[in-house]
């Protein structure tokens, strides 16, 4: 695609994903972080030790503050993962591995 074609790009039709069991709309090409922000969610992980809230920080996949569980896969970087129709996104605590506590 040329830059002009990209500038005129229009998203396809919205589709539904779930965030902690609640349905929300998403657009093709959005990342999980963009969908969460659009839904008004600014913190979707808590730290392992203190339980401090975390959300997006760097936005380019370097810092690991934006980890979420997507389709039962923990520790996915929300700023990098594109959403697909029917995705199940869950906020997570600490490591995202329930069995580790």
N, C-alpha and C. Protein backbone atom coordinates (compact mmCIF):
# COMPACT_ATOMS: atom_id res chain seq x y z
N UNK A 1 0.83 -1.20 0.00
CA UNK A 1 0.00 0.00 0.00
C UNK A 1 0.86 1.25 0.00
N UNK A 2 0.37 2.25 -0.66
CA UNK A 2 1.07 3.52 -0.66
C UNK A 2 0.62 4.33 0.56
N UNK A 3 1.40 5.34 0.96
CA UNK A 3 0.96 6.18 2.07
C UNK A 3 -0.40 6.81 1.82
N UNK A 4 -0.69 7.20 0.59
CA UNK A 4 -1.99 7.79 0.28
C UNK A 4 -3.11 6.79 0.50
N UNK A 5 -2.89 5.55 0.10
CA UNK A 5 -3.90 4.52 0.31
C UNK A 5 -4.12 4.27 1.81
N UNK A 6 -3.04 4.30 2.58
CA UNK A 6 -3.17 4.11 4.02
C UNK A 6 -3.94 5.26 4.66
N UNK A 7 -3.68 6.47 4.23
CA UNK A 7 -4.37 7.64 4.78
C UNK A 7 -5.86 7.60 4.51
N UNK A 8 -6.25 6.99 3.43
CA UNK A 8 -7.67 6.87 3.10
C UNK A 8 -8.30 5.58 3.60
N UNK A 9 -7.55 4.82 4.36
CA UNK A 9 -8.04 3.53 4.84
C UNK A 9 -9.26 3.73 5.73
N UNK A 10 -10.18 2.83 5.63
CA UNK A 10 -11.37 2.82 6.46
C UNK A 10 -11.47 1.45 7.11
N UNK A 11 -11.78 1.40 8.39
CA UNK A 11 -11.88 0.09 9.04
C UNK A 11 -13.07 -0.68 8.50
N UNK A 12 -12.96 -1.98 8.58
CA UNK A 12 -14.08 -2.84 8.21
C UNK A 12 -15.16 -2.76 9.28
N UNK A 13 -16.19 -3.58 9.17
CA UNK A 13 -17.27 -3.53 10.14
C UNK A 13 -16.82 -3.99 11.53
N UNK A 14 -17.44 -3.42 12.57
CA UNK A 14 -17.08 -3.82 13.93
C UNK A 14 -17.48 -5.27 14.20
N UNK A 15 -16.83 -5.84 15.18
CA UNK A 15 -17.16 -7.18 15.64
C UNK A 15 -17.09 -7.18 17.16
N UNK A 16 -17.47 -8.28 17.77
CA UNK A 16 -17.56 -8.36 19.23
C UNK A 16 -16.43 -9.21 19.80
N UNK A 17 -15.87 -8.72 20.91
CA UNK A 17 -14.95 -9.48 21.75
C UNK A 17 -15.48 -9.37 23.17
N UNK A 18 -14.97 -10.19 24.07
CA UNK A 18 -15.37 -10.06 25.46
C UNK A 18 -14.18 -9.62 26.30
N UNK A 19 -14.46 -8.78 27.27
CA UNK A 19 -13.47 -8.31 28.23
C UNK A 19 -14.00 -8.67 29.61
N UNK A 20 -13.34 -9.61 30.25
CA UNK A 20 -13.79 -10.13 31.54
C UNK A 20 -15.27 -10.53 31.49
N UNK A 21 -15.65 -11.14 30.38
CA UNK A 21 -17.01 -11.67 30.22
C UNK A 21 -18.02 -10.69 29.66
N UNK A 22 -17.67 -9.41 29.56
CA UNK A 22 -18.59 -8.41 29.02
C UNK A 22 -18.28 -8.15 27.55
N UNK A 23 -19.31 -8.14 26.73
CA UNK A 23 -19.11 -7.90 25.30
C UNK A 23 -18.77 -6.43 25.04
N UNK A 24 -17.87 -6.22 24.10
CA UNK A 24 -17.52 -4.88 23.66
C UNK A 24 -17.19 -4.93 22.17
N UNK A 25 -17.39 -3.80 21.50
CA UNK A 25 -17.11 -3.73 20.07
C UNK A 25 -15.64 -3.48 19.81
N UNK A 26 -15.17 -4.03 18.71
CA UNK A 26 -13.79 -3.84 18.27
C UNK A 26 -13.81 -3.62 16.77
N UNK A 27 -12.76 -3.03 16.26
CA UNK A 27 -12.62 -2.80 14.83
C UNK A 27 -11.42 -3.57 14.29
N UNK A 28 -11.51 -4.00 13.04
CA UNK A 28 -10.36 -4.68 12.45
C UNK A 28 -9.11 -3.80 12.53
N UNK A 29 -8.00 -4.41 12.91
CA UNK A 29 -6.75 -3.68 13.01
C UNK A 29 -6.44 -3.13 14.39
N UNK A 30 -7.43 -3.11 15.28
CA UNK A 30 -7.17 -2.61 16.63
C UNK A 30 -6.37 -3.64 17.43
N UNK A 31 -5.55 -3.13 18.33
CA UNK A 31 -4.88 -4.01 19.28
C UNK A 31 -5.80 -4.20 20.48
N UNK A 32 -5.46 -5.17 21.30
CA UNK A 32 -6.22 -5.38 22.54
C UNK A 32 -6.20 -4.10 23.38
N UNK A 33 -5.06 -3.43 23.47
CA UNK A 33 -4.97 -2.19 24.25
C UNK A 33 -5.94 -1.13 23.71
N UNK A 34 -6.02 -0.99 22.40
CA UNK A 34 -6.93 0.00 21.81
C UNK A 34 -8.38 -0.32 22.14
N UNK A 35 -8.73 -1.59 22.11
CA UNK A 35 -10.09 -2.00 22.45
C UNK A 35 -10.38 -1.70 23.92
N UNK A 36 -9.42 -2.01 24.79
CA UNK A 36 -9.62 -1.73 26.21
C UNK A 36 -9.77 -0.24 26.46
N UNK A 37 -8.93 0.57 25.86
CA UNK A 37 -9.05 2.03 26.00
C UNK A 37 -10.40 2.50 25.50
N UNK A 38 -10.82 2.00 24.34
CA UNK A 38 -12.11 2.39 23.77
C UNK A 38 -13.26 2.05 24.70
N UNK A 39 -13.09 0.97 25.48
CA UNK A 39 -14.13 0.55 26.42
C UNK A 39 -14.01 1.28 27.76
N UNK A 40 -13.05 2.19 27.87
CA UNK A 40 -12.87 2.96 29.11
C UNK A 40 -12.03 2.26 30.16
N UNK A 41 -11.37 1.17 29.78
CA UNK A 41 -10.53 0.43 30.72
C UNK A 41 -9.10 0.94 30.58
N UNK A 42 -8.55 1.47 31.67
CA UNK A 42 -7.19 2.02 31.60
C UNK A 42 -6.19 1.20 32.41
N UNK A 43 -6.65 0.28 33.23
CA UNK A 43 -5.77 -0.60 33.99
C UNK A 43 -6.33 -2.00 33.88
N UNK A 44 -5.48 -2.95 33.46
CA UNK A 44 -5.97 -4.31 33.26
C UNK A 44 -5.03 -5.38 33.78
N UNK A 45 -4.09 -4.97 34.61
CA UNK A 45 -3.21 -5.93 35.26
C UNK A 45 -2.82 -5.36 36.60
N UNK A 46 -2.59 -6.23 37.57
CA UNK A 46 -2.04 -5.79 38.84
C UNK A 46 -0.71 -6.50 39.05
N UNK A 47 0.21 -5.82 39.73
CA UNK A 47 1.53 -6.39 39.92
C UNK A 47 1.50 -7.53 40.93
N UNK A 48 2.46 -8.40 40.82
CA UNK A 48 2.54 -9.61 41.64
C UNK A 48 2.72 -9.27 43.11
N UNK A 49 3.59 -8.36 43.46
CA UNK A 49 3.89 -8.09 44.86
C UNK A 49 2.89 -7.18 45.54
N UNK A 50 2.76 -5.96 45.04
CA UNK A 50 1.95 -4.96 45.73
C UNK A 50 0.51 -4.87 45.23
N UNK A 51 0.21 -5.49 44.09
CA UNK A 51 -1.13 -5.38 43.53
C UNK A 51 -1.39 -4.04 42.87
N UNK A 52 -0.31 -3.30 42.55
CA UNK A 52 -0.46 -1.99 41.92
C UNK A 52 -1.05 -2.13 40.51
N UNK A 53 -1.95 -1.22 40.13
CA UNK A 53 -2.58 -1.31 38.80
C UNK A 53 -1.60 -0.97 37.69
N UNK A 54 -1.75 -1.67 36.58
CA UNK A 54 -0.94 -1.42 35.40
C UNK A 54 -1.83 -1.44 34.16
N UNK A 55 -1.41 -0.72 33.16
CA UNK A 55 -2.08 -0.69 31.87
C UNK A 55 -1.03 -0.50 30.82
N UNK A 56 -1.32 0.33 29.85
CA UNK A 56 -0.32 0.56 28.80
C UNK A 56 0.68 1.62 29.28
N UNK A 57 1.94 1.39 28.99
CA UNK A 57 2.98 2.34 29.38
C UNK A 57 3.78 2.75 28.15
N UNK A 58 4.51 1.81 27.55
CA UNK A 58 5.35 2.18 26.41
C UNK A 58 4.59 2.12 25.09
N UNK A 59 3.65 1.21 24.96
CA UNK A 59 2.86 1.09 23.74
C UNK A 59 3.58 0.43 22.58
N UNK A 60 4.79 -0.09 22.81
CA UNK A 60 5.53 -0.72 21.71
C UNK A 60 6.05 -2.10 22.08
N UNK A 61 5.58 -2.68 23.17
CA UNK A 61 5.92 -4.05 23.50
C UNK A 61 7.22 -4.28 24.22
N UNK A 62 7.76 -3.25 24.84
CA UNK A 62 9.04 -3.41 25.53
C UNK A 62 8.88 -3.57 27.04
N UNK A 63 7.89 -2.93 27.64
CA UNK A 63 7.86 -2.81 29.10
C UNK A 63 7.10 -3.90 29.84
N UNK A 64 6.21 -4.63 29.22
CA UNK A 64 5.43 -5.70 29.83
C UNK A 64 4.43 -5.21 30.88
N UNK A 65 4.10 -3.93 30.92
CA UNK A 65 3.08 -3.45 31.86
C UNK A 65 1.67 -3.78 31.39
N UNK A 66 1.47 -4.03 30.12
CA UNK A 66 0.11 -4.17 29.58
C UNK A 66 -0.33 -5.62 29.40
N UNK A 67 0.22 -6.54 30.19
CA UNK A 67 -0.09 -7.95 30.02
C UNK A 67 -1.55 -8.28 30.32
N UNK A 68 -2.12 -9.11 29.45
CA UNK A 68 -3.49 -9.60 29.61
C UNK A 68 -3.52 -11.07 29.20
N UNK A 69 -4.63 -11.71 29.48
CA UNK A 69 -4.85 -13.07 29.02
C UNK A 69 -5.80 -12.99 27.83
N UNK A 70 -5.39 -13.57 26.70
CA UNK A 70 -6.21 -13.56 25.49
C UNK A 70 -6.45 -15.01 25.08
N UNK A 71 -7.71 -15.39 25.05
CA UNK A 71 -8.08 -16.75 24.67
C UNK A 71 -7.31 -17.79 25.49
N UNK A 72 -7.30 -17.57 26.80
CA UNK A 72 -6.66 -18.46 27.78
C UNK A 72 -5.14 -18.52 27.68
N UNK A 73 -4.53 -17.58 26.96
CA UNK A 73 -3.06 -17.48 26.90
C UNK A 73 -2.64 -16.29 27.74
N UNK A 74 -2.05 -16.52 28.93
CA UNK A 74 -1.66 -15.41 29.79
C UNK A 74 -0.45 -14.67 29.25
N UNK A 75 -0.24 -13.48 29.80
CA UNK A 75 0.95 -12.67 29.55
C UNK A 75 1.11 -12.24 28.10
N UNK A 76 0.00 -11.91 27.47
CA UNK A 76 0.04 -11.36 26.12
C UNK A 76 0.14 -9.84 26.23
N UNK A 77 1.02 -9.23 25.46
CA UNK A 77 1.18 -7.77 25.50
C UNK A 77 0.05 -7.13 24.71
N UNK A 78 -0.84 -6.46 25.44
CA UNK A 78 -2.05 -5.87 24.85
C UNK A 78 -1.74 -4.86 23.76
N UNK A 79 -0.59 -4.22 23.84
CA UNK A 79 -0.24 -3.21 22.84
C UNK A 79 0.19 -3.82 21.52
N UNK A 80 0.47 -5.13 21.50
CA UNK A 80 0.95 -5.78 20.29
C UNK A 80 -0.05 -6.76 19.67
N UNK A 81 -0.97 -7.28 20.46
CA UNK A 81 -1.87 -8.33 19.98
C UNK A 81 -3.07 -7.73 19.26
N UNK A 82 -3.23 -8.03 17.98
CA UNK A 82 -4.43 -7.56 17.27
C UNK A 82 -5.63 -8.40 17.68
N UNK A 83 -6.77 -7.76 17.82
CA UNK A 83 -7.99 -8.50 18.18
C UNK A 83 -8.58 -9.18 16.95
N UNK A 84 -9.26 -10.28 17.21
CA UNK A 84 -9.99 -10.98 16.17
C UNK A 84 -11.38 -11.26 16.70
N UNK A 85 -12.35 -11.43 15.80
CA UNK A 85 -13.73 -11.66 16.26
C UNK A 85 -13.82 -12.81 17.26
N UNK A 86 -14.53 -12.56 18.34
CA UNK A 86 -14.77 -13.58 19.35
C UNK A 86 -13.69 -13.74 20.40
N UNK A 87 -12.62 -12.93 20.34
CA UNK A 87 -11.56 -13.05 21.33
C UNK A 87 -12.12 -12.88 22.74
N UNK A 88 -11.56 -13.67 23.67
CA UNK A 88 -11.90 -13.55 25.09
C UNK A 88 -10.69 -12.96 25.79
N UNK A 89 -10.84 -11.72 26.22
CA UNK A 89 -9.75 -10.98 26.87
C UNK A 89 -10.06 -10.92 28.36
N UNK A 90 -9.05 -11.25 29.17
CA UNK A 90 -9.24 -11.17 30.62
C UNK A 90 -8.11 -10.38 31.25
N UNK A 91 -8.46 -9.55 32.22
CA UNK A 91 -7.45 -8.87 33.00
C UNK A 91 -6.74 -9.93 33.84
N UNK A 92 -5.54 -9.62 34.31
CA UNK A 92 -4.84 -10.63 35.08
C UNK A 92 -4.11 -10.02 36.27
N UNK A 93 -3.85 -10.88 37.24
CA UNK A 93 -3.11 -10.50 38.43
C UNK A 93 -1.75 -11.15 38.41
N UNK A 94 -0.74 -10.38 38.75
CA UNK A 94 0.61 -10.93 38.86
C UNK A 94 1.09 -11.60 37.59
N UNK A 95 1.40 -12.90 37.69
CA UNK A 95 1.99 -13.63 36.58
C UNK A 95 0.95 -14.08 35.56
N UNK A 96 -0.32 -14.07 35.92
CA UNK A 96 -1.34 -14.56 35.01
C UNK A 96 -1.51 -16.06 35.08
N UNK A 97 -0.77 -16.72 35.94
CA UNK A 97 -0.88 -18.17 36.11
C UNK A 97 -1.56 -18.44 37.45
N UNK A 98 -2.83 -18.77 37.41
CA UNK A 98 -3.60 -18.96 38.65
C UNK A 98 -2.94 -19.96 39.59
N UNK A 99 -2.37 -21.04 39.04
CA UNK A 99 -1.81 -22.07 39.89
C UNK A 99 -0.57 -21.60 40.66
N UNK A 100 0.05 -20.51 40.24
CA UNK A 100 1.22 -20.00 40.93
C UNK A 100 0.87 -19.06 42.07
N UNK A 101 -0.38 -18.62 42.11
CA UNK A 101 -0.82 -17.74 43.18
C UNK A 101 -0.39 -16.39 43.00
